Amino acid sequence: MTPDDPASSSAEPPAAPVVDAVRVRRAAVAKWNGIASRVGYVMFLIAVVMFFVALATTFSQGKVTIITTSMIIGSVLLAPAIVIGYAVKAAEKDDVARGL
């Protein structure tokens, strides 16, 4: 068949890729999980830096409050983010193993 052949013009256009709603949702969860992980680690970094600043100067009430608050926020964000991150990676690995 040549490009000018009428039979070749009646061929179907390529099919649109199938969008899997579960994978789209998983990608969104992974995106927000990545943000939560980064913020959690930054909060721990703030706590560590503030601890050494307080150690070098004086442990005032404000510095202790910043250390404690950043440790609590970091823990609240990072603990579930680590678990969810492993879950997303395991689900993707399972999809690849099943050929999806």
N, C-alpha and C. Protein backbone atom coordinates (compact mmCIF):
# COMPACT_ATOMS: atom_id res chain seq x y z
N MET A 1 0.83 -1.18 0.00
CA MET A 1 0.00 0.00 0.00
C MET A 1 0.87 1.24 0.00
N THR A 2 0.44 2.22 -0.71
CA THR A 2 1.14 3.49 -0.78
C THR A 2 0.36 4.53 -0.01
N PRO A 3 0.98 5.65 0.32
CA PRO A 3 0.24 6.69 1.04
C PRO A 3 -0.93 7.25 0.25
N ASP A 4 -0.89 7.13 -1.09
CA ASP A 4 -1.99 7.64 -1.91
C ASP A 4 -3.11 6.63 -2.06
N ASP A 5 -2.90 5.42 -1.56
CA ASP A 5 -3.90 4.37 -1.71
C ASP A 5 -5.10 4.68 -0.81
N PRO A 6 -6.35 4.63 -1.34
CA PRO A 6 -7.53 4.93 -0.51
C PRO A 6 -7.71 3.94 0.63
N ALA A 7 -7.22 2.72 0.50
CA ALA A 7 -7.39 1.74 1.57
C ALA A 7 -6.59 2.14 2.81
N SER A 8 -5.45 2.81 2.61
CA SER A 8 -4.64 3.19 3.76
C SER A 8 -5.24 4.37 4.52
N SER A 9 -6.08 5.17 3.88
CA SER A 9 -6.68 6.32 4.56
C SER A 9 -7.84 5.92 5.46
N SER A 10 -8.37 4.71 5.27
CA SER A 10 -9.49 4.28 6.10
C SER A 10 -9.03 3.58 7.38
N ALA A 11 -7.72 3.52 7.61
CA ALA A 11 -7.20 2.89 8.81
C ALA A 11 -7.61 3.70 10.03
N GLU A 12 -7.82 3.00 11.13
CA GLU A 12 -8.24 3.66 12.37
C GLU A 12 -7.10 4.48 12.94
N PRO A 13 -7.43 5.62 13.56
CA PRO A 13 -6.37 6.37 14.24
C PRO A 13 -5.89 5.60 15.45
N PRO A 14 -4.68 5.87 15.91
CA PRO A 14 -4.19 5.15 17.08
C PRO A 14 -5.10 5.40 18.28
N ALA A 15 -5.28 4.35 19.07
CA ALA A 15 -6.14 4.44 20.24
C ALA A 15 -5.51 5.33 21.30
N ALA A 16 -6.36 6.05 22.01
CA ALA A 16 -5.87 6.90 23.10
C ALA A 16 -5.39 6.01 24.24
N PRO A 17 -4.34 6.42 24.94
CA PRO A 17 -3.87 5.60 26.06
C PRO A 17 -4.92 5.50 27.15
N VAL A 18 -4.99 4.34 27.75
CA VAL A 18 -5.96 4.10 28.82
C VAL A 18 -5.43 4.72 30.11
N VAL A 19 -6.25 5.50 30.76
CA VAL A 19 -5.87 6.15 32.01
C VAL A 19 -6.45 5.34 33.17
N ASP A 20 -5.57 4.86 34.02
CA ASP A 20 -5.98 4.08 35.18
C ASP A 20 -6.20 5.03 36.35
N ALA A 21 -7.42 5.08 36.85
CA ALA A 21 -7.76 6.01 37.93
C ALA A 21 -6.97 5.72 39.21
N VAL A 22 -6.68 4.46 39.44
CA VAL A 22 -5.93 4.09 40.65
C VAL A 22 -4.51 4.62 40.57
N ARG A 23 -3.90 4.50 39.39
CA ARG A 23 -2.52 4.99 39.24
C ARG A 23 -2.46 6.51 39.30
N VAL A 24 -3.49 7.17 38.78
CA VAL A 24 -3.55 8.63 38.86
C VAL A 24 -3.66 9.06 40.32
N ARG A 25 -4.52 8.39 41.07
CA ARG A 25 -4.69 8.71 42.50
C ARG A 25 -3.39 8.40 43.26
N ARG A 26 -2.74 7.29 42.91
CA ARG A 26 -1.49 6.93 43.57
C ARG A 26 -0.41 7.97 43.30
N ALA A 27 -0.38 8.50 42.09
CA ALA A 27 0.60 9.54 41.76
C ALA A 27 0.34 10.80 42.58
N ALA A 28 -0.94 11.14 42.77
CA ALA A 28 -1.28 12.31 43.58
C ALA A 28 -0.87 12.09 45.04
N VAL A 29 -1.12 10.90 45.55
CA VAL A 29 -0.73 10.59 46.93
C VAL A 29 0.80 10.64 47.06
N ALA A 30 1.50 10.12 46.06
CA ALA A 30 2.98 10.15 46.11
C ALA A 30 3.49 11.58 46.08
N LYS A 31 2.83 12.45 45.31
CA LYS A 31 3.24 13.86 45.26
C LYS A 31 3.09 14.53 46.62
N TRP A 32 1.91 14.38 47.23
CA TRP A 32 1.68 15.00 48.55
C TRP A 32 2.55 14.35 49.62
N ASN A 33 2.81 13.06 49.46
CA ASN A 33 3.68 12.36 50.40
C ASN A 33 5.11 12.90 50.32
N GLY A 34 5.56 13.20 49.12
CA GLY A 34 6.89 13.77 48.96
C GLY A 34 7.00 15.14 49.62
N ILE A 35 5.94 15.93 49.48
CA ILE A 35 5.93 17.25 50.11
C ILE A 35 5.96 17.10 51.63
N ALA A 36 5.15 16.18 52.17
CA ALA A 36 5.12 15.96 53.62
C ALA A 36 6.48 15.48 54.13
N SER A 37 7.14 14.62 53.36
CA SER A 37 8.46 14.12 53.76
C SER A 37 9.47 15.26 53.82
N ARG A 38 9.48 16.09 52.78
CA ARG A 38 10.43 17.21 52.77
C ARG A 38 10.18 18.16 53.93
N VAL A 39 8.92 18.50 54.18
CA VAL A 39 8.61 19.41 55.28
C VAL A 39 8.98 18.77 56.62
N GLY A 40 8.71 17.47 56.77
CA GLY A 40 9.07 16.78 58.01
C GLY A 40 10.57 16.79 58.27
N TYR A 41 11.35 16.51 57.23
CA TYR A 41 12.81 16.54 57.40
C TYR A 41 13.32 17.95 57.66
N VAL A 42 12.71 18.94 57.04
CA VAL A 42 13.10 20.33 57.31
C VAL A 42 12.80 20.70 58.76
N MET A 43 11.68 20.23 59.27
CA MET A 43 11.35 20.52 60.68
C MET A 43 12.38 19.89 61.62
N PHE A 44 12.81 18.67 61.32
CA PHE A 44 13.87 18.06 62.14
C PHE A 44 15.18 18.82 62.00
N LEU A 45 15.48 19.29 60.80
CA LEU A 45 16.69 20.09 60.61
C LEU A 45 16.62 21.37 61.44
N ILE A 46 15.46 22.01 61.45
CA ILE A 46 15.29 23.22 62.26
C ILE A 46 15.52 22.90 63.74
N ALA A 47 14.98 21.77 64.19
CA ALA A 47 15.15 21.40 65.59
C ALA A 47 16.62 21.16 65.93
N VAL A 48 17.34 20.49 65.05
CA VAL A 48 18.75 20.20 65.33
C VAL A 48 19.57 21.49 65.33
N VAL A 49 19.34 22.32 64.32
CA VAL A 49 20.09 23.59 64.26
C VAL A 49 19.79 24.45 65.48
N MET A 50 18.52 24.55 65.83
CA MET A 50 18.15 25.36 67.00
C MET A 50 18.73 24.77 68.28
N PHE A 51 18.82 23.45 68.37
CA PHE A 51 19.42 22.83 69.55
C PHE A 51 20.88 23.25 69.70
N PHE A 52 21.62 23.20 68.59
CA PHE A 52 23.03 23.58 68.68
C PHE A 52 23.21 25.08 68.89
N VAL A 53 22.29 25.88 68.36
CA VAL A 53 22.33 27.32 68.65
C VAL A 53 22.08 27.54 70.14
N ALA A 54 21.10 26.85 70.68
CA ALA A 54 20.80 26.99 72.11
C ALA A 54 21.94 26.45 72.96
N LEU A 55 22.58 25.39 72.50
CA LEU A 55 23.69 24.83 73.25
C LEU A 55 24.88 25.80 73.27
N ALA A 56 25.09 26.50 72.17
CA ALA A 56 26.21 27.44 72.08
C ALA A 56 25.91 28.73 72.86
N THR A 57 24.64 29.08 72.98
CA THR A 57 24.27 30.31 73.70
C THR A 57 23.61 29.92 75.02
N THR A 58 22.35 30.21 75.14
CA THR A 58 21.59 29.84 76.34
C THR A 58 20.30 29.16 75.93
N PHE A 59 19.85 28.23 76.75
CA PHE A 59 18.59 27.55 76.50
C PHE A 59 17.45 28.41 77.02
N SER A 60 17.01 29.34 76.20
CA SER A 60 15.88 30.18 76.61
C SER A 60 14.57 29.46 76.32
N GLN A 61 13.50 29.96 76.89
CA GLN A 61 12.18 29.33 76.71
C GLN A 61 11.77 29.35 75.24
N GLY A 62 12.07 30.40 74.53
CA GLY A 62 11.70 30.50 73.11
C GLY A 62 12.40 29.45 72.26
N LYS A 63 13.69 29.24 72.52
CA LYS A 63 14.45 28.25 71.75
C LYS A 63 13.95 26.84 72.04
N VAL A 64 13.65 26.56 73.29
CA VAL A 64 13.13 25.24 73.65
C VAL A 64 11.76 25.02 73.01
N THR A 65 10.95 26.06 72.94
CA THR A 65 9.64 25.95 72.29
C THR A 65 9.79 25.66 70.80
N ILE A 66 10.73 26.33 70.14
CA ILE A 66 10.97 26.08 68.71
C ILE A 66 11.46 24.65 68.50
N ILE A 67 12.36 24.19 69.33
CA ILE A 67 12.88 22.82 69.21
C ILE A 67 11.74 21.82 69.39
N THR A 68 10.98 21.98 70.45
CA THR A 68 9.90 21.04 70.75
C THR A 68 8.82 21.06 69.67
N THR A 69 8.41 22.24 69.25
CA THR A 69 7.36 22.36 68.24
C THR A 69 7.80 21.77 66.91
N SER A 70 9.01 22.05 66.51
CA SER A 70 9.48 21.51 65.23
C SER A 70 9.66 20.00 65.29
N MET A 71 10.05 19.46 66.43
CA MET A 71 10.14 18.00 66.58
C MET A 71 8.75 17.35 66.50
N ILE A 72 7.76 17.96 67.12
CA ILE A 72 6.40 17.41 67.09
C ILE A 72 5.83 17.47 65.67
N ILE A 73 5.96 18.62 65.02
CA ILE A 73 5.43 18.76 63.66
C ILE A 73 6.17 17.81 62.71
N GLY A 74 7.48 17.71 62.84
CA GLY A 74 8.25 16.80 62.01
C GLY A 74 7.83 15.35 62.20
N SER A 75 7.58 14.96 63.43
CA SER A 75 7.15 13.59 63.71
C SER A 75 5.76 13.31 63.16
N VAL A 76 4.86 14.26 63.33
CA VAL A 76 3.49 14.09 62.84
C VAL A 76 3.48 13.97 61.32
N LEU A 77 4.33 14.70 60.64
CA LEU A 77 4.37 14.64 59.18
C LEU A 77 5.18 13.45 58.67
N LEU A 78 6.29 13.18 59.30
CA LEU A 78 7.22 12.21 58.76
C LEU A 78 6.84 10.76 59.02
N ALA A 79 6.27 10.46 60.16
CA ALA A 79 5.93 9.06 60.48
C ALA A 79 4.95 8.47 59.45
N PRO A 80 3.81 9.11 59.18
CA PRO A 80 2.93 8.53 58.16
C PRO A 80 3.51 8.63 56.75
N ALA A 81 4.31 9.66 56.49
CA ALA A 81 4.88 9.81 55.15
C ALA A 81 5.83 8.66 54.82
N ILE A 82 6.57 8.18 55.79
CA ILE A 82 7.47 7.05 55.56
C ILE A 82 6.66 5.80 55.24
N VAL A 83 5.62 5.54 56.00
CA VAL A 83 4.79 4.36 55.79
C VAL A 83 4.08 4.44 54.44
N ILE A 84 3.51 5.59 54.12
CA ILE A 84 2.80 5.76 52.85
C ILE A 84 3.78 5.65 51.68
N GLY A 85 4.98 6.18 51.84
CA GLY A 85 5.99 6.07 50.80
C GLY A 85 6.32 4.63 50.47
N TYR A 86 6.49 3.79 51.50
CA TYR A 86 6.74 2.38 51.26
C TYR A 86 5.54 1.71 50.60
N ALA A 87 4.33 2.10 50.99
CA ALA A 87 3.13 1.51 50.40
C ALA A 87 3.02 1.85 48.91
N VAL A 88 3.29 3.09 48.56
CA VAL A 88 3.22 3.50 47.15
C VAL A 88 4.28 2.77 46.33
N LYS A 89 5.49 2.66 46.87
CA LYS A 89 6.55 1.94 46.15
C LYS A 89 6.19 0.47 45.98
N ALA A 90 5.62 -0.15 47.00
CA ALA A 90 5.23 -1.56 46.91
C ALA A 90 4.11 -1.75 45.89
N ALA A 91 3.16 -0.84 45.85
CA ALA A 91 2.07 -0.94 44.89
C ALA A 91 2.58 -0.79 43.46
N GLU A 92 3.50 0.14 43.24
CA GLU A 92 4.08 0.31 41.91
C GLU A 92 4.87 -0.93 41.51
N LYS A 93 5.64 -1.48 42.45
CA LYS A 93 6.42 -2.68 42.17
C LYS A 93 5.50 -3.85 41.84
N ASP A 94 4.37 -3.96 42.54
CA ASP A 94 3.40 -5.02 42.26
C ASP A 94 2.77 -4.84 40.88
N ASP A 95 2.47 -3.61 40.51
CA ASP A 95 1.90 -3.34 39.18
C ASP A 95 2.88 -3.74 38.08
N VAL A 96 4.14 -3.42 38.28
CA VAL A 96 5.16 -3.78 37.28
C VAL A 96 5.30 -5.29 37.19
N ALA A 97 5.28 -5.97 38.34
CA ALA A 97 5.41 -7.42 38.34
C ALA A 97 4.23 -8.09 37.65
N ARG A 98 3.04 -7.50 37.77
CA ARG A 98 1.84 -8.06 37.13
C ARG A 98 1.71 -7.61 35.69
N GLY A 99 2.58 -6.72 35.24
CA GLY A 99 2.55 -6.27 33.86
C GLY A 99 1.52 -5.21 33.57
N LEU A 100 1.16 -4.44 34.57
CA LEU A 100 0.16 -3.38 34.37
C LEU A 100 0.81 -2.06 34.05
